[in-house]
C-alpha atoms as a PDB file:
ATOM      1  CA  MET A   1       0.000   0.000   0.000  1.00  0.00           C
ATOM      2  CA  ILE A   2       2.767   2.421   0.961  1.00  0.00           C
ATOM      3  CA  LYS A   3       4.770   1.412  -2.116  1.00  0.00           C
ATOM      4  CA  LYS A   4       1.828   2.148  -4.410  1.00  0.00           C
ATOM      5  CA  ALA A   5       1.265   5.455  -2.622  1.00  0.00           C
ATOM      6  CA  SER A   6       4.875   6.492  -3.232  1.00  0.00           C
ATOM      7  CA  VAL A   7       4.508   5.609  -6.919  1.00  0.00           C
ATOM      8  CA  TRP A   8       1.314   7.547  -7.568  1.00  0.00           C
ATOM      9  CA  THR A   9       2.126  10.589  -5.453  1.00  0.00           C
ATOM     10  CA  GLY A  10       5.411  11.020  -7.323  1.00  0.00           C
ATOM     11  CA  ILE A  11       3.981  10.583 -10.816  1.00  0.00           C
ATOM     12  CA  ILE A  12       0.790  12.590 -10.260  1.00  0.00           C
ATOM     13  CA  GLY A  13       2.688  15.351  -8.436  1.00  0.00           C
ATOM     14  CA  ALA A  14       5.107  15.775 -11.341  1.00  0.00           C
ATOM     15  CA  LEU A  15       2.368  15.650 -13.998  1.00  0.00           C
ATOM     16  CA  LEU A  16       0.234  18.153 -12.086  1.00  0.00           C
ATOM     17  CA  PHE A  17       3.136  20.585 -11.762  1.00  0.00           C
ATOM     18  CA  ILE A  18       4.128  20.301 -15.422  1.00  0.00           C
ATOM     19  CA  LEU A  19       0.590  20.553 -16.822  1.00  0.00           C
ATOM     20  CA  THR A  20      -0.224  23.481 -14.545  1.00  0.00           C
ATOM     21  CA  THR A  21       2.843  25.354 -15.777  1.00  0.00           C
ATOM     22  CA  ILE A  22       1.937  24.732 -19.429  1.00  0.00           C
ATOM     23  CA  ILE A  23      -1.762  25.586 -19.068  1.00  0.00           C
ATOM     24  CA  ALA A  24      -1.220  28.616 -16.811  1.00  0.00           C
ATOM     25  CA  GLY A  25       1.351  29.932 -19.282  1.00  0.00           C
ATOM     26  CA  SER A  26      -1.150  29.639 -22.136  1.00  0.00           C
ATOM     27  CA  LEU A  27      -3.701  31.656 -20.132  1.00  0.00           C
ATOM     28  CA  TYR A  28      -1.204  34.433 -19.332  1.00  0.00           C
ATOM     29  CA  PRO A  29      -1.075  37.010 -22.156  1.00  0.00           C
ATOM     30  CA  ASN A  30       2.413  37.341 -23.666  1.00  0.00           C
ATOM     31  CA  TYR A  31       3.935  35.035 -21.058  1.00  0.00           C
ATOM     32  CA  SER A  32       7.298  33.553 -22.072  1.00  0.00           C
ATOM     33  CA  HIS A  33       8.460  30.203 -20.723  1.00  0.00           C
ATOM     34  CA  THR A  34      11.936  31.129 -21.927  1.00  0.00           C
ATOM     35  CA  SER A  35      12.375  34.453 -20.156  1.00  0.00           C
ATOM     36  CA  GLN A  36       9.966  34.373 -17.183  1.00  0.00           C
ATOM     37  CA  PHE A  37      10.040  32.461 -13.923  1.00  0.00           C
ATOM     38  CA  ILE A  38       7.374  29.894 -13.090  1.00  0.00           C
ATOM     39  CA  SER A  39       6.548  31.953  -9.996  1.00  0.00           C
ATOM     40  CA  GLU A  40       5.272  34.734 -12.240  1.00  0.00           C
ATOM     41  CA  LEU A  41       2.380  32.463 -13.231  1.00  0.00           C
ATOM     42  CA  TYR A  42       0.933  32.911  -9.755  1.00  0.00           C
ATOM     43  CA  ALA A  43       2.261  36.338  -8.780  1.00  0.00           C
ATOM     44  CA  VAL A  44      -0.342  38.704  -7.290  1.00  0.00           C
ATOM     45  CA  ASP A  45      -1.184  40.200 -10.691  1.00  0.00           C
ATOM     46  CA  ALA A  46      -1.302  36.941 -12.674  1.00  0.00           C
ATOM     47  CA  PRO A  47      -4.530  35.686 -14.302  1.00  0.00           C
ATOM     48  CA  ASN A  48      -6.465  33.197 -12.146  1.00  0.00           C
ATOM     49  CA  VAL A  49      -3.760  33.490  -9.499  1.00  0.00           C
ATOM     50  CA  ASP A  50      -5.628  31.997  -6.546  1.00  0.00           C
ATOM     51  CA  LYS A  51      -6.957  29.027  -8.514  1.00  0.00           C
ATOM     52  CA  ILE A  52      -3.524  28.280  -9.928  1.00  0.00           C
ATOM     53  CA  ARG A  53      -1.655  28.397  -6.649  1.00  0.00           C
ATOM     54  CA  TYR A  54      -4.246  26.840  -4.325  1.00  0.00           C
ATOM     55  CA  TYR A  55      -5.824  24.243  -6.613  1.00  0.00           C
ATOM     56  CA  PHE A  56      -2.775  23.147  -8.568  1.00  0.00           C
ATOM     57  CA  TYR A  57       0.698  24.160  -7.328  1.00  0.00           C
ATOM     58  CA  LEU A  58      -0.111  23.692  -3.645  1.00  0.00           C
ATOM     59  CA  PRO A  59      -1.567  20.174  -4.187  1.00  0.00           C
ATOM     60  CA  SER A  60       1.494  19.243  -6.237  1.00  0.00           C
ATOM     61  CA  GLY A  61       3.673  20.296  -3.289  1.00  0.00           C
ATOM     62  CA  ILE A  62       1.627  18.096  -0.963  1.00  0.00           C
ATOM     63  CA  LEU A  63       2.047  15.179  -3.367  1.00  0.00           C
ATOM     64  CA  PHE A  64       5.840  15.734  -3.519  1.00  0.00           C
ATOM     65  CA  LEU A  65       5.964  15.728   0.276  1.00  0.00           C
ATOM     66  CA  LEU A  66       3.977  12.485   0.453  1.00  0.00           C
ATOM     67  CA  PHE A  67       6.166  10.961  -2.273  1.00  0.00           C
ATOM     68  CA  ALA A  68       9.266  11.644  -0.188  1.00  0.00           C
ATOM     69  CA  LEU A  69       7.744  10.220   2.991  1.00  0.00           C
ATOM     70  CA  PHE A  70       6.331   7.099   1.331  1.00  0.00           C
ATOM     71  CA  SER A  71       9.463   6.433  -0.739  1.00  0.00           C
ATOM     72  CA  ASN A  72      11.652   6.671   2.332  1.00  0.00           C
ATOM     73  CA  VAL A  73       9.593   3.880   3.919  1.00  0.00           C
ATOM     74  CA  SER A  74       9.450   1.799   0.725  1.00  0.00           C
ATOM     75  CA  LEU A  75      13.193   1.740   0.043  1.00  0.00           C
ATOM     76  CA  PRO A  76      16.002  -0.017   1.961  1.00  0.00           C
ATOM     77  CA  LYS A  77      16.898   1.397   5.359  1.00  0.00           C
ATOM     78  CA  SER A  78      19.736   3.902   5.326  1.00  0.00           C
ATOM     79  CA  GLY A  79      20.498   7.025   7.296  1.00  0.00           C
ATOM     80  CA  LEU A  80      21.822   8.752   4.172  1.00  0.00           C
ATOM     81  CA  LYS A  81      18.717   7.774   2.181  1.00  0.00           C
ATOM     82  CA  THR A  82      16.451   9.088   4.942  1.00  0.00           C
ATOM     83  CA  LEU A  83      18.383  12.348   5.046  1.00  0.00           C
ATOM     84  CA  GLY A  84      18.035  12.616   1.269  1.00  0.00           C
ATOM     85  CA  PHE A  85      14.289  12.058   1.232  1.00  0.00           C
ATOM     86  CA  LEU A  86      13.851  14.499   4.112  1.00  0.00           C
ATOM     87  CA  GLY A  87      15.598  17.017   1.872  1.00  0.00           C
ATOM     88  CA  ILE A  88      13.267  16.172  -1.015  1.00  0.00           C
ATOM     89  CA  GLY A  89      10.219  16.387   1.250  1.00  0.00           C
ATOM     90  CA  PHE A  90      11.254  19.674   2.806  1.00  0.00           C
ATOM     91  CA  GLY A  91      12.861  21.279  -0.226  1.00  0.00           C
ATOM     92  CA  TYR A  92      10.569  20.203  -3.025  1.00  0.00           C
ATOM     93  CA  GLY A  93       7.436  19.320  -1.080  1.00  0.00           C
ATOM     94  CA  ILE A  94       7.162  21.932   1.649  1.00  0.00           C
ATOM     95  CA  GLY A  95       9.087  24.352  -0.560  1.00  0.00           C
ATOM     96  CA  THR A  96       6.398  24.195  -3.253  1.00  0.00           C
ATOM     97  CA  ILE A  97       3.668  24.510  -0.625  1.00  0.00           C
ATOM     98  CA  VAL A  98       5.256  27.567   1.001  1.00  0.00           C
ATOM     99  CA  CYS A  99       5.931  29.265  -2.341  1.00  0.00           C
ATOM    100  CA  SER A 100       2.300  28.655  -3.341  1.00  0.00           C
ATOM    101  CA  ILE A 101       0.966  30.260  -0.175  1.00  0.00           C
ATOM    102  CA  PHE A 102       3.456  33.132  -0.148  1.00  0.00           C
ATOM    103  CA  ASN A 103       3.433  34.245  -3.765  1.00  0.00           C
ATOM    104  CA  CYS A 104       5.388  36.993  -5.529  1.00  0.00           C
ATOM    105  CA  ASP A 105       4.634  40.679  -5.792  1.00  0.00           C
ATOM    106  CA  ILE A 106       3.718  42.126  -9.207  1.00  0.00           C
ATOM    107  CA  ASP A 107       5.907  40.498 -11.895  1.00  0.00           C
ATOM    108  CA  CYS A 108       7.817  38.873  -9.007  1.00  0.00           C
ATOM    109  CA  ASN A 109       9.435  42.248  -8.226  1.00  0.00           C
ATOM    110  CA  PRO A 110      12.670  41.623 -10.181  1.00  0.00           C
ATOM    111  CA  GLU A 111      14.338  44.730  -8.764  1.00  0.00           C
ATOM    112  CA  PHE A 112      13.362  43.642  -5.236  1.00  0.00           C
ATOM    113  CA  ILE A 113      12.156  47.169  -4.400  1.00  0.00           C
ATOM    114  CA  ASN A 114      10.235  47.362  -1.110  1.00  0.00           C
ATOM    115  CA  PRO A 115       9.357  43.671  -1.274  1.00  0.00           C
ATOM    116  CA  SER A 116       6.397  42.366   0.694  1.00  0.00           C
ATOM    117  CA  LEU A 117       6.900  39.761   3.412  1.00  0.00           C
ATOM    118  CA  SER A 118       5.295  37.252   1.047  1.00  0.00           C
ATOM    119  CA  GLN A 119       7.906  38.018  -1.629  1.00  0.00           C
ATOM    120  CA  ILE A 120      10.765  37.684   0.874  1.00  0.00           C
ATOM    121  CA  ILE A 121       9.497  34.311   2.131  1.00  0.00           C
ATOM    122  CA  HIS A 122       8.910  33.138  -1.441  1.00  0.00           C
ATOM    123  CA  ASN A 123      12.424  34.029  -2.588  1.00  0.00           C
ATOM    124  CA  LEU A 124      14.070  32.595   0.518  1.00  0.00           C
ATOM    125  CA  MET A 125      12.187  29.314   0.226  1.00  0.00           C
ATOM    126  CA  GLY A 126      12.964  29.063  -3.465  1.00  0.00           C
ATOM    127  CA  MET A 127      16.673  29.579  -2.805  1.00  0.00           C
ATOM    128  CA  ILE A 128      16.689  26.944  -0.044  1.00  0.00           C
ATOM    129  CA  THR A 129      14.827  24.488  -2.279  1.00  0.00           C
ATOM    130  CA  TYR A 130      17.223  24.771  -5.185  1.00  0.00           C
ATOM    131  CA  PHE A 131      20.273  24.263  -3.016  1.00  0.00           C
ATOM    132  CA  ILE A 132      18.882  21.413  -0.888  1.00  0.00           C
ATOM    133  CA  VAL A 133      17.281  19.209  -3.545  1.00  0.00           C
ATOM    134  CA  PRO A 134      20.334  18.467  -5.772  1.00  0.00           C
ATOM    135  CA  PHE A 135      22.365  17.404  -2.721  1.00  0.00           C
ATOM    136  CA  SER A 136      19.425  15.309  -1.483  1.00  0.00           C
ATOM    137  CA  ILE A 137      19.229  13.441  -4.787  1.00  0.00           C
ATOM    138  CA  PHE A 138      22.999  12.930  -4.691  1.00  0.00           C
ATOM    139  CA  ALA A 139      22.777  11.529  -1.146  1.00  0.00           C
ATOM    140  CA  ILE A 140      20.061   9.073  -2.185  1.00  0.00           C
ATOM    141  CA  GLY A 141      22.228   8.067  -5.146  1.00  0.00           C
ATOM    142  CA  ILE A 142      25.134   7.258  -2.826  1.00  0.00           C
ATOM    143  CA  ALA A 143      22.848   5.240  -0.545  1.00  0.00           C
ATOM    144  CA  SER A 144      21.416   3.307  -3.502  1.00  0.00           C
ATOM    145  CA  LYS A 145      24.840   1.838  -4.365  1.00  0.00           C
ATOM    146  CA  LYS A 146      24.171  -0.792  -1.687  1.00  0.00           C
ATOM    147  CA  TRP A 147      20.738  -1.781  -3.052  1.00  0.00           C
ATOM    148  CA  ASN A 148      20.010  -4.650  -5.422  1.00  0.00           C
ATOM    149  CA  ASN A 149      19.363  -3.839  -9.101  1.00  0.00           C
ATOM    150  CA  ALA A 150      19.909  -0.131  -8.503  1.00  0.00           C
ATOM    151  CA  THR A 151      22.755   0.601 -10.928  1.00  0.00           C
ATOM    152  CA  LYS A 152      20.620   2.641 -13.337  1.00  0.00           C
ATOM    153  CA  PHE A 153      18.946   4.469 -10.468  1.00  0.00           C
ATOM    154  CA  THR A 154      22.311   5.322  -8.897  1.00  0.00           C
ATOM    155  CA  THR A 155      23.731   6.590 -12.182  1.00  0.00           C
ATOM    156  CA  LEU A 156      20.662   8.689 -12.976  1.00  0.00           C
ATOM    157  CA  SER A 157      20.681  10.145  -9.455  1.00  0.00           C
ATOM    158  CA  TYR A 158      24.269  11.312  -9.900  1.00  0.00           C
ATOM    159  CA  ILE A 159      23.508  12.776 -13.339  1.00  0.00           C
ATOM    160  CA  ILE A 160      20.351  14.576 -12.176  1.00  0.00           C
ATOM    161  CA  ALA A 161      22.090  15.915  -9.068  1.00  0.00           C
ATOM    162  CA  GLY A 162      24.909  17.250 -11.226  1.00  0.00           C
ATOM    163  CA  ILE A 163      22.655  18.806 -13.867  1.00  0.00           C
ATOM    164  CA  SER A 164      20.268  20.418 -11.384  1.00  0.00           C
ATOM    165  CA  PHE A 165      23.060  21.843  -9.222  1.00  0.00           C
ATOM    166  CA  ALA A 166      24.982  23.147 -12.251  1.00  0.00           C
ATOM    167  CA  PHE A 167      21.935  24.991 -13.566  1.00  0.00           C
ATOM    168  CA  VAL A 168      21.123  26.332 -10.090  1.00  0.00           C
ATOM    169  CA  LEU A 169      24.543  27.982 -10.159  1.00  0.00           C
ATOM    170  CA  VAL A 170      23.967  29.226 -13.716  1.00  0.00           C
ATOM    171  CA  LEU A 171      20.594  30.669 -12.710  1.00  0.00           C
ATOM    172  CA  ASN A 172      21.929  32.470  -9.663  1.00  0.00           C
ATOM    173  CA  VAL A 173      24.641  34.245 -11.627  1.00  0.00           C
ATOM    174  CA  ASN A 174      22.221  35.075 -14.459  1.00  0.00           C
ATOM    175  CA  LEU A 175      19.048  36.214 -12.700  1.00  0.00           C
ATOM    176  CA  GLU A 176      18.577  38.926 -15.340  1.00  0.00           C
ATOM    177  CA  SER A 177      19.226  36.601 -18.251  1.00  0.00           C
ATOM    178  CA  PRO A 178      16.631  36.566 -21.059  1.00  0.00           C
ATOM    179  CA  PHE A 179      16.833  32.769 -20.734  1.00  0.00           C
ATOM    180  CA  LYS A 180      16.247  32.594 -16.983  1.00  0.00           C
ATOM    181  CA  GLY A 181      12.878  30.909 -17.478  1.00  0.00           C
ATOM    182  CA  LEU A 182      14.442  28.191 -19.622  1.00  0.00           C
ATOM    183  CA  ILE A 183      17.245  27.675 -17.100  1.00  0.00           C
ATOM    184  CA  GLN A 184      14.722  27.288 -14.281  1.00  0.00           C
ATOM    185  CA  ARG A 185      12.697  24.793 -16.311  1.00  0.00           C
ATOM    186  CA  ILE A 186      15.798  22.657 -16.862  1.00  0.00           C
ATOM    187  CA  ILE A 187      16.239  22.522 -13.081  1.00  0.00           C
ATOM    188  CA  GLU A 188      12.578  21.678 -12.494  1.00  0.00           C
ATOM    189  CA  ALA A 189      12.437  19.125 -15.326  1.00  0.00           C
ATOM    190  CA  SER A 190      15.553  17.310 -14.111  1.00  0.00           C
ATOM    191  CA  ILE A 191      14.180  16.988 -10.576  1.00  0.00           C
ATOM    192  CA  GLN A 192      10.783  15.804 -11.789  1.00  0.00           C
ATOM    193  CA  ILE A 193      12.362  13.272 -14.175  1.00  0.00           C
ATOM    194  CA  TRP A 194      14.179  11.858 -11.158  1.00  0.00           C
ATOM    195  CA  ILE A 195      10.948  11.724  -9.107  1.00  0.00           C
ATOM    196  CA  VAL A 196       9.081   9.902 -11.898  1.00  0.00           C
ATOM    197  CA  PHE A 197      11.987   7.507 -12.510  1.00  0.00           C
ATOM    198  CA  CYS A 198      12.245   6.756  -8.800  1.00  0.00           C
ATOM    199  CA  SER A 199       8.487   6.111  -8.688  1.00  0.00           C
ATOM    200  CA  LEU A 200       8.672   3.718 -11.651  1.00  0.00           C
ATOM    201  CA  GLN A 201      11.609   1.836 -10.146  1.00  0.00           C
ATOM    202  CA  ILE A 202       9.683   1.320  -6.914  1.00  0.00           C
ATOM    203  CA  ASN A 203       6.580   0.267  -8.855  1.00  0.00           C
ATOM    204  CA  LYS A 204       8.462  -2.381 -10.856  1.00  0.00           C
ATOM    205  CA  ASN A 205      10.314  -3.662  -7.794  1.00  0.00           C
ATOM    206  CA  LEU A 206      13.547  -2.875  -9.629  1.00  0.00           C
ATOM    207  CA  ILE A 207      15.001  -1.512  -6.407  1.00  0.00           C
ATOM    208  CA  ASN A 208      14.891  -4.310  -3.843  1.00  0.00           C
ATOM    209  CA  LYS A 209      15.366  -4.448  -0.114  1.00  0.00           C
END
């Protein structure tokens, strides 16, 4: 039961996040996935802001949190693995929840002029998320070296951790880049690919205790 829960929370959480980003972007006049942050889709001045953040992004955060908790129970015991999934649950689960509740100011206040408390919390949580999650995936990858049939999972975990962390660094030194939206989506896509792959591995019993 817990194994199935970890599978479906991971897959549905990722699909919900991705589809919400695509659909919300199509409903936002002149929105650019290449040059604008995802957070701008539910900033205070965005179309359908409350529906988008409370009915879609917030539930996806809850699902990511549950995925981390259920997966930690479903996979072989390891202190490093538990630490990694706590990072996923806090960083990507609670992080998405907090950012949904505390959304950006108008246009996400790129100049950070007189930011609201909500904007400050949003930015801080986003920064914490992007620095915690790559290391969490890397830690789980290290732990998985001792599991049966986990070679592909271990390798992918290392690759995803490396890609996501590299683009986090690129994003933070290019916050004004016309490609900042694309850079952020590479980070998000890499993390969600890992979540879906992890879910599928658990579902197929390819990672054994």
